[in-house]
Amino acid sequence: MDLYAEEIISHYEHPHNKGKLDAENATFHEHNPLCGDEITIHLHIDNGRVDRISFEGNGCAISMGTASMLTDFIKGKTLEEVEKMGVSTVIDLLGIDPGPGRLKCATLSLKTLKEAIFVYEHKSVDSGTRNL
């Protein structure tokens, strides 16, 4: 478990893909009112795939570390693949279960990413995403 925690801390201290994208065509901002974490996801989508992704935000090590890890993981995925992702995707990516008290922190970036894609596709946000 310590190995996984170290990786999360490393991504928190040295985040990948942090900053605004040039020529983005999808973006969404979300926050966690329970703890104050906030994130904006920026995407460039090309031919139904995530071509480029970045994030901006502030929050705890879990939310920001997950955002960094998720942005690495998402590159090249189809929009359909992303839409199917849920809590288990985040837990698998982290390698640990953050527990009920930190789950909203861990899933904030995935929720924001999926909301950006739903807006891009002019679709309503599904209940699974709303409940992340």
N, C-alpha and C. Protein backbone atom coordinates (compact mmCIF):
# COMPACT_ATOMS: atom_id res chain seq x y z
N MET A 1 0.82 -1.19 0.00
CA MET A 1 0.00 0.00 0.00
C MET A 1 0.87 1.26 0.00
N ASP A 2 2.01 1.22 0.69
CA ASP A 2 2.88 2.38 0.73
C ASP A 2 3.38 2.77 -0.65
N LEU A 3 3.64 1.77 -1.49
CA LEU A 3 4.09 2.03 -2.86
C LEU A 3 3.05 2.85 -3.63
N TYR A 4 1.78 2.47 -3.48
CA TYR A 4 0.71 3.20 -4.15
C TYR A 4 0.57 4.61 -3.59
N ALA A 5 0.66 4.75 -2.28
CA ALA A 5 0.58 6.06 -1.66
C ALA A 5 1.73 6.95 -2.14
N GLU A 6 2.92 6.38 -2.27
CA GLU A 6 4.07 7.14 -2.76
C GLU A 6 3.84 7.64 -4.18
N GLU A 7 3.22 6.81 -5.02
CA GLU A 7 2.95 7.23 -6.40
C GLU A 7 1.94 8.38 -6.43
N ILE A 8 0.91 8.31 -5.61
CA ILE A 8 -0.08 9.39 -5.53
C ILE A 8 0.59 10.68 -5.08
N ILE A 9 1.43 10.59 -4.05
CA ILE A 9 2.14 11.78 -3.55
C ILE A 9 3.08 12.34 -4.62
N SER A 10 3.75 11.46 -5.36
CA SER A 10 4.63 11.91 -6.43
C SER A 10 3.85 12.69 -7.49
N HIS A 11 2.69 12.18 -7.87
CA HIS A 11 1.86 12.88 -8.86
C HIS A 11 1.32 14.20 -8.28
N TYR A 12 1.07 14.23 -7.00
CA TYR A 12 0.61 15.47 -6.35
C TYR A 12 1.74 16.52 -6.35
N GLU A 13 2.94 16.09 -6.01
CA GLU A 13 4.07 17.03 -5.93
C GLU A 13 4.62 17.42 -7.30
N HIS A 14 4.51 16.52 -8.26
CA HIS A 14 5.03 16.75 -9.61
C HIS A 14 3.95 16.33 -10.62
N PRO A 15 2.87 17.11 -10.70
CA PRO A 15 1.73 16.70 -11.54
C PRO A 15 2.06 16.69 -13.02
N HIS A 16 1.51 15.71 -13.69
CA HIS A 16 1.60 15.62 -15.15
C HIS A 16 0.40 16.35 -15.74
N ASN A 17 0.58 16.96 -16.88
CA ASN A 17 -0.51 17.56 -17.66
C ASN A 17 -1.23 18.68 -16.93
N LYS A 18 -0.54 19.39 -16.06
CA LYS A 18 -1.17 20.49 -15.34
C LYS A 18 -0.99 21.78 -16.14
N GLY A 19 -2.08 22.52 -16.31
CA GLY A 19 -2.08 23.77 -17.04
C GLY A 19 -3.20 23.79 -18.05
N LYS A 20 -3.31 24.89 -18.73
CA LYS A 20 -4.37 25.06 -19.74
C LYS A 20 -3.87 24.59 -21.10
N LEU A 21 -4.75 23.99 -21.87
CA LEU A 21 -4.41 23.56 -23.23
C LEU A 21 -4.63 24.68 -24.23
N ASP A 22 -3.80 24.71 -25.26
CA ASP A 22 -4.09 25.55 -26.42
C ASP A 22 -5.05 24.77 -27.30
N ALA A 23 -5.97 25.44 -27.91
CA ALA A 23 -6.91 24.83 -28.87
C ALA A 23 -7.75 23.72 -28.26
N GLU A 24 -8.19 23.92 -27.04
CA GLU A 24 -9.10 22.93 -26.44
C GLU A 24 -10.46 23.04 -27.11
N ASN A 25 -11.19 21.94 -27.15
CA ASN A 25 -12.55 22.00 -27.68
C ASN A 25 -13.58 21.46 -26.69
N ALA A 26 -13.12 21.16 -25.47
CA ALA A 26 -14.03 20.79 -24.39
C ALA A 26 -13.37 21.13 -23.07
N THR A 27 -14.17 21.67 -22.16
CA THR A 27 -13.67 21.99 -20.82
C THR A 27 -14.83 21.95 -19.84
N PHE A 28 -14.51 21.67 -18.59
CA PHE A 28 -15.54 21.68 -17.55
C PHE A 28 -14.86 21.92 -16.22
N HIS A 29 -15.56 22.65 -15.34
CA HIS A 29 -15.07 22.94 -13.99
C HIS A 29 -16.02 22.29 -12.99
N GLU A 30 -15.46 21.70 -11.97
CA GLU A 30 -16.26 21.06 -10.93
C GLU A 30 -15.56 21.28 -9.59
N HIS A 31 -16.33 21.19 -8.52
CA HIS A 31 -15.75 21.31 -7.19
C HIS A 31 -16.44 20.33 -6.24
N ASN A 32 -15.75 20.06 -5.16
CA ASN A 32 -16.29 19.21 -4.10
C ASN A 32 -16.62 20.13 -2.93
N PRO A 33 -17.90 20.43 -2.72
CA PRO A 33 -18.27 21.38 -1.66
C PRO A 33 -17.97 20.86 -0.25
N LEU A 34 -17.77 19.57 -0.11
CA LEU A 34 -17.49 19.00 1.22
C LEU A 34 -16.09 19.34 1.71
N CYS A 35 -15.13 19.43 0.77
CA CYS A 35 -13.75 19.67 1.21
C CYS A 35 -13.09 20.87 0.52
N GLY A 36 -13.72 21.40 -0.52
CA GLY A 36 -13.17 22.57 -1.20
C GLY A 36 -12.28 22.27 -2.39
N ASP A 37 -12.04 20.99 -2.70
CA ASP A 37 -11.25 20.65 -3.88
C ASP A 37 -11.96 21.17 -5.13
N GLU A 38 -11.19 21.64 -6.10
CA GLU A 38 -11.77 22.08 -7.36
C GLU A 38 -10.83 21.73 -8.50
N ILE A 39 -11.44 21.49 -9.66
CA ILE A 39 -10.66 21.09 -10.82
C ILE A 39 -11.35 21.55 -12.10
N THR A 40 -10.55 21.90 -13.07
CA THR A 40 -11.01 22.18 -14.43
C THR A 40 -10.26 21.23 -15.34
N ILE A 41 -11.01 20.52 -16.17
CA ILE A 41 -10.42 19.61 -17.15
C ILE A 41 -10.50 20.29 -18.52
N HIS A 42 -9.40 20.25 -19.25
CA HIS A 42 -9.31 20.80 -20.60
C HIS A 42 -9.02 19.64 -21.55
N LEU A 43 -9.76 19.58 -22.64
CA LEU A 43 -9.60 18.49 -23.60
C LEU A 43 -9.47 18.99 -25.03
N HIS A 44 -8.70 18.28 -25.79
CA HIS A 44 -8.75 18.41 -27.24
C HIS A 44 -9.16 17.04 -27.74
N ILE A 45 -10.33 16.97 -28.33
CA ILE A 45 -10.89 15.72 -28.83
C ILE A 45 -10.76 15.72 -30.35
N ASP A 46 -10.28 14.61 -30.89
CA ASP A 46 -10.10 14.49 -32.33
C ASP A 46 -10.55 13.10 -32.76
N ASN A 47 -11.46 13.05 -33.73
CA ASN A 47 -11.97 11.79 -34.25
C ASN A 47 -12.49 10.85 -33.16
N GLY A 48 -13.20 11.42 -32.19
CA GLY A 48 -13.82 10.61 -31.15
C GLY A 48 -12.87 10.09 -30.09
N ARG A 49 -11.66 10.63 -30.05
CA ARG A 49 -10.65 10.21 -29.06
C ARG A 49 -10.10 11.42 -28.32
N VAL A 50 -9.65 11.18 -27.11
CA VAL A 50 -8.98 12.22 -26.33
C VAL A 50 -7.56 12.33 -26.88
N ASP A 51 -7.34 13.40 -27.61
CA ASP A 51 -6.04 13.65 -28.23
C ASP A 51 -5.07 14.27 -27.22
N ARG A 52 -5.56 15.27 -26.50
CA ARG A 52 -4.76 15.94 -25.46
C ARG A 52 -5.67 16.25 -24.29
N ILE A 53 -5.10 16.26 -23.09
CA ILE A 53 -5.86 16.55 -21.88
C ILE A 53 -4.95 17.22 -20.87
N SER A 54 -5.52 18.16 -20.13
CA SER A 54 -4.79 18.79 -19.03
C SER A 54 -5.79 19.17 -17.94
N PHE A 55 -5.25 19.59 -16.82
CA PHE A 55 -6.13 20.02 -15.73
C PHE A 55 -5.52 21.19 -14.99
N GLU A 56 -6.39 21.94 -14.34
CA GLU A 56 -5.99 23.00 -13.42
C GLU A 56 -6.82 22.76 -12.17
N GLY A 57 -6.29 23.12 -11.03
CA GLY A 57 -7.08 22.97 -9.83
C GLY A 57 -6.28 23.07 -8.55
N ASN A 58 -7.01 22.97 -7.48
CA ASN A 58 -6.43 23.00 -6.14
C ASN A 58 -7.16 21.98 -5.29
N GLY A 59 -6.41 21.31 -4.46
CA GLY A 59 -7.06 20.35 -3.58
C GLY A 59 -6.05 19.48 -2.87
N CYS A 60 -6.57 18.44 -2.25
CA CYS A 60 -5.75 17.53 -1.46
C CYS A 60 -4.90 16.64 -2.37
N ALA A 61 -4.00 15.90 -1.75
CA ALA A 61 -3.11 15.01 -2.49
C ALA A 61 -3.89 13.95 -3.27
N ILE A 62 -4.97 13.45 -2.70
CA ILE A 62 -5.76 12.43 -3.39
C ILE A 62 -6.39 13.02 -4.66
N SER A 63 -7.04 14.17 -4.57
CA SER A 63 -7.73 14.72 -5.75
C SER A 63 -6.75 15.17 -6.83
N MET A 64 -5.68 15.82 -6.45
CA MET A 64 -4.72 16.32 -7.45
C MET A 64 -3.83 15.19 -7.98
N GLY A 65 -3.45 14.26 -7.12
CA GLY A 65 -2.67 13.11 -7.58
C GLY A 65 -3.47 12.26 -8.56
N THR A 66 -4.75 12.05 -8.24
CA THR A 66 -5.62 11.28 -9.14
C THR A 66 -5.79 12.01 -10.47
N ALA A 67 -5.95 13.32 -10.44
CA ALA A 67 -6.10 14.09 -11.68
C ALA A 67 -4.88 13.90 -12.58
N SER A 68 -3.70 13.94 -12.00
CA SER A 68 -2.48 13.75 -12.77
C SER A 68 -2.42 12.35 -13.35
N MET A 69 -2.71 11.35 -12.55
CA MET A 69 -2.68 9.96 -13.01
C MET A 69 -3.75 9.71 -14.07
N LEU A 70 -4.93 10.26 -13.86
CA LEU A 70 -6.04 10.06 -14.79
C LEU A 70 -5.73 10.70 -16.14
N THR A 71 -5.15 11.88 -16.15
CA THR A 71 -4.85 12.54 -17.43
C THR A 71 -3.83 11.74 -18.23
N ASP A 72 -2.89 11.09 -17.56
CA ASP A 72 -1.96 10.19 -18.28
C ASP A 72 -2.72 9.01 -18.86
N PHE A 73 -3.60 8.42 -18.07
CA PHE A 73 -4.33 7.21 -18.44
C PHE A 73 -5.32 7.43 -19.58
N ILE A 74 -5.90 8.61 -19.67
CA ILE A 74 -6.99 8.91 -20.61
C ILE A 74 -6.51 9.16 -22.03
N LYS A 75 -5.30 9.62 -22.19
CA LYS A 75 -4.81 9.97 -23.53
C LYS A 75 -5.00 8.82 -24.51
N GLY A 76 -5.64 9.13 -25.63
CA GLY A 76 -5.86 8.14 -26.68
C GLY A 76 -7.13 7.32 -26.53
N LYS A 77 -7.80 7.43 -25.39
CA LYS A 77 -9.04 6.67 -25.17
C LYS A 77 -10.17 7.28 -26.01
N THR A 78 -11.11 6.42 -26.40
CA THR A 78 -12.29 6.91 -27.11
C THR A 78 -13.25 7.54 -26.11
N LEU A 79 -14.13 8.39 -26.62
CA LEU A 79 -15.13 9.00 -25.74
C LEU A 79 -16.03 7.93 -25.13
N GLU A 80 -16.34 6.91 -25.91
CA GLU A 80 -17.16 5.81 -25.41
C GLU A 80 -16.47 5.09 -24.24
N GLU A 81 -15.17 4.87 -24.36
CA GLU A 81 -14.42 4.23 -23.26
C GLU A 81 -14.48 5.08 -22.00
N VAL A 82 -14.31 6.37 -22.15
CA VAL A 82 -14.34 7.27 -20.99
C VAL A 82 -15.72 7.29 -20.35
N GLU A 83 -16.76 7.33 -21.18
CA GLU A 83 -18.12 7.36 -20.65
C GLU A 83 -18.44 6.14 -19.81
N LYS A 84 -17.81 5.01 -20.08
CA LYS A 84 -18.07 3.77 -19.34
C LYS A 84 -17.30 3.70 -18.02
N MET A 85 -16.36 4.58 -17.80
CA MET A 85 -15.52 4.53 -16.59
C MET A 85 -16.30 4.94 -15.36
N GLY A 86 -15.91 4.36 -14.24
CA GLY A 86 -16.57 4.68 -12.98
C GLY A 86 -15.60 4.56 -11.81
N VAL A 87 -16.16 4.39 -10.63
CA VAL A 87 -15.37 4.33 -9.40
C VAL A 87 -14.28 3.25 -9.49
N SER A 88 -14.62 2.09 -10.03
CA SER A 88 -13.63 1.00 -10.10
C SER A 88 -12.43 1.40 -10.95
N THR A 89 -12.64 2.22 -11.98
CA THR A 89 -11.53 2.70 -12.80
C THR A 89 -10.54 3.48 -11.96
N VAL A 90 -11.07 4.36 -11.11
CA VAL A 90 -10.21 5.20 -10.28
C VAL A 90 -9.48 4.35 -9.24
N ILE A 91 -10.18 3.42 -8.61
CA ILE A 91 -9.55 2.56 -7.60
C ILE A 91 -8.46 1.72 -8.24
N ASP A 92 -8.71 1.18 -9.42
CA ASP A 92 -7.69 0.40 -10.13
C ASP A 92 -6.49 1.28 -10.48
N LEU A 93 -6.74 2.49 -10.92
CA LEU A 93 -5.67 3.41 -11.29
C LEU A 93 -4.81 3.76 -10.08
N LEU A 94 -5.46 4.02 -8.94
CA LEU A 94 -4.74 4.38 -7.73
C LEU A 94 -4.03 3.19 -7.09
N GLY A 95 -4.63 2.02 -7.26
CA GLY A 95 -4.07 0.83 -6.63
C GLY A 95 -4.49 0.65 -5.18
N ILE A 96 -5.30 1.57 -4.68
CA ILE A 96 -5.82 1.49 -3.32
C ILE A 96 -7.26 2.00 -3.32
N ASP A 97 -8.01 1.57 -2.34
CA ASP A 97 -9.36 2.09 -2.12
C ASP A 97 -9.23 3.24 -1.14
N PRO A 98 -9.56 4.45 -1.56
CA PRO A 98 -9.38 5.61 -0.66
C PRO A 98 -10.37 5.63 0.50
N GLY A 99 -11.35 4.76 0.48
CA GLY A 99 -12.33 4.71 1.55
C GLY A 99 -13.44 5.71 1.33
N PRO A 100 -14.54 5.54 2.05
CA PRO A 100 -15.71 6.38 1.81
C PRO A 100 -15.47 7.86 2.09
N GLY A 101 -14.60 8.18 3.01
CA GLY A 101 -14.34 9.58 3.35
C GLY A 101 -13.55 10.33 2.30
N ARG A 102 -12.81 9.63 1.47
CA ARG A 102 -11.97 10.28 0.45
C ARG A 102 -12.37 9.92 -0.98
N LEU A 103 -13.44 9.14 -1.13
CA LEU A 103 -13.85 8.69 -2.46
C LEU A 103 -14.23 9.86 -3.36
N LYS A 104 -14.93 10.86 -2.83
CA LYS A 104 -15.32 12.02 -3.65
C LYS A 104 -14.08 12.78 -4.12
N CYS A 105 -13.05 12.82 -3.27
CA CYS A 105 -11.79 13.46 -3.68
C CYS A 105 -11.16 12.70 -4.84
N ALA A 106 -11.16 11.38 -4.74
CA ALA A 106 -10.52 10.53 -5.75
C ALA A 106 -11.27 10.55 -7.08
N THR A 107 -12.58 10.69 -7.04
CA THR A 107 -13.37 10.63 -8.28
C THR A 107 -13.68 11.99 -8.89
N LEU A 108 -13.27 13.08 -8.24
CA LEU A 108 -13.59 14.42 -8.74
C LEU A 108 -13.09 14.64 -10.17
N SER A 109 -11.87 14.22 -10.47
CA SER A 109 -11.34 14.45 -11.82
C SER A 109 -12.07 13.61 -12.86
N LEU A 110 -12.44 12.38 -12.53
CA LEU A 110 -13.19 11.55 -13.48
C LEU A 110 -14.57 12.15 -13.72
N LYS A 111 -15.22 12.59 -12.67
CA LYS A 111 -16.54 13.22 -12.82
C LYS A 111 -16.44 14.44 -13.74
N THR A 112 -15.44 15.26 -13.52
CA THR A 112 -15.26 16.48 -14.32
C THR A 112 -14.95 16.13 -15.77
N LEU A 113 -14.10 15.15 -15.98
CA LEU A 113 -13.77 14.69 -17.33
C LEU A 113 -15.01 14.21 -18.07
N LYS A 114 -15.79 13.37 -17.42
CA LYS A 114 -16.98 12.83 -18.06
C LYS A 114 -18.01 13.93 -18.34
N GLU A 115 -18.14 14.89 -17.43
CA GLU A 115 -19.06 16.01 -17.67
C GLU A 115 -18.61 16.83 -18.87
N ALA A 116 -17.31 17.05 -19.01
CA ALA A 116 -16.80 17.78 -20.17
C ALA A 116 -17.15 17.06 -21.47
N ILE A 117 -17.05 15.76 -21.46
CA ILE A 117 -17.37 14.98 -22.67
C ILE A 117 -18.87 15.01 -22.96
N PHE A 118 -19.70 14.90 -21.92
CA PHE A 118 -21.14 14.96 -22.14
C PHE A 118 -21.54 16.32 -22.73
N VAL A 119 -20.94 17.39 -22.24
CA VAL A 119 -21.23 18.72 -22.79
C VAL A 119 -20.75 18.78 -24.25
N TYR A 120 -19.56 18.28 -24.51
CA TYR A 120 -19.01 18.27 -25.86
C TYR A 120 -19.94 17.54 -26.83
N GLU A 121 -20.50 16.43 -26.37
CA GLU A 121 -21.39 15.62 -27.21
C GLU A 121 -22.84 16.07 -27.18
N HIS A 122 -23.12 17.13 -26.43
CA HIS A 122 -24.49 17.64 -26.28
C HIS A 122 -25.42 16.58 -25.72
N LYS A 123 -24.92 15.84 -24.73
CA LYS A 123 -25.70 14.80 -24.07
C LYS A 123 -25.97 15.22 -22.62
N SER A 124 -27.01 14.66 -22.05
CA SER A 124 -27.29 14.85 -20.63
C SER A 124 -26.32 13.99 -19.83
N VAL A 125 -25.92 14.50 -18.68
CA VAL A 125 -25.04 13.76 -17.80
C VAL A 125 -25.80 12.56 -17.23
N ASP A 126 -25.22 11.39 -17.29
CA ASP A 126 -25.90 10.19 -16.78
C ASP A 126 -25.84 10.14 -15.25
N SER A 127 -26.68 9.33 -14.67
CA SER A 127 -26.79 9.25 -13.21
C SER A 127 -25.51 8.72 -12.57
N GLY A 128 -24.82 7.80 -13.27
CA GLY A 128 -23.56 7.29 -12.73
C GLY A 128 -22.53 8.39 -12.56
N THR A 129 -22.47 9.29 -13.51
CA THR A 129 -21.53 10.41 -13.43
C THR A 129 -21.96 11.40 -12.35
N ARG A 130 -23.25 11.71 -12.31
CA ARG A 130 -23.74 12.63 -11.28
C ARG A 130 -23.42 12.14 -9.88
N ASN A 131 -23.40 10.83 -9.67
CA ASN A 131 -23.19 10.27 -8.35
C ASN A 131 -21.73 10.02 -8.02
N LEU A 132 -20.81 10.31 -8.94
CA LEU A 132 -19.39 10.12 -8.63
C LEU A 132 -18.97 11.02 -7.49
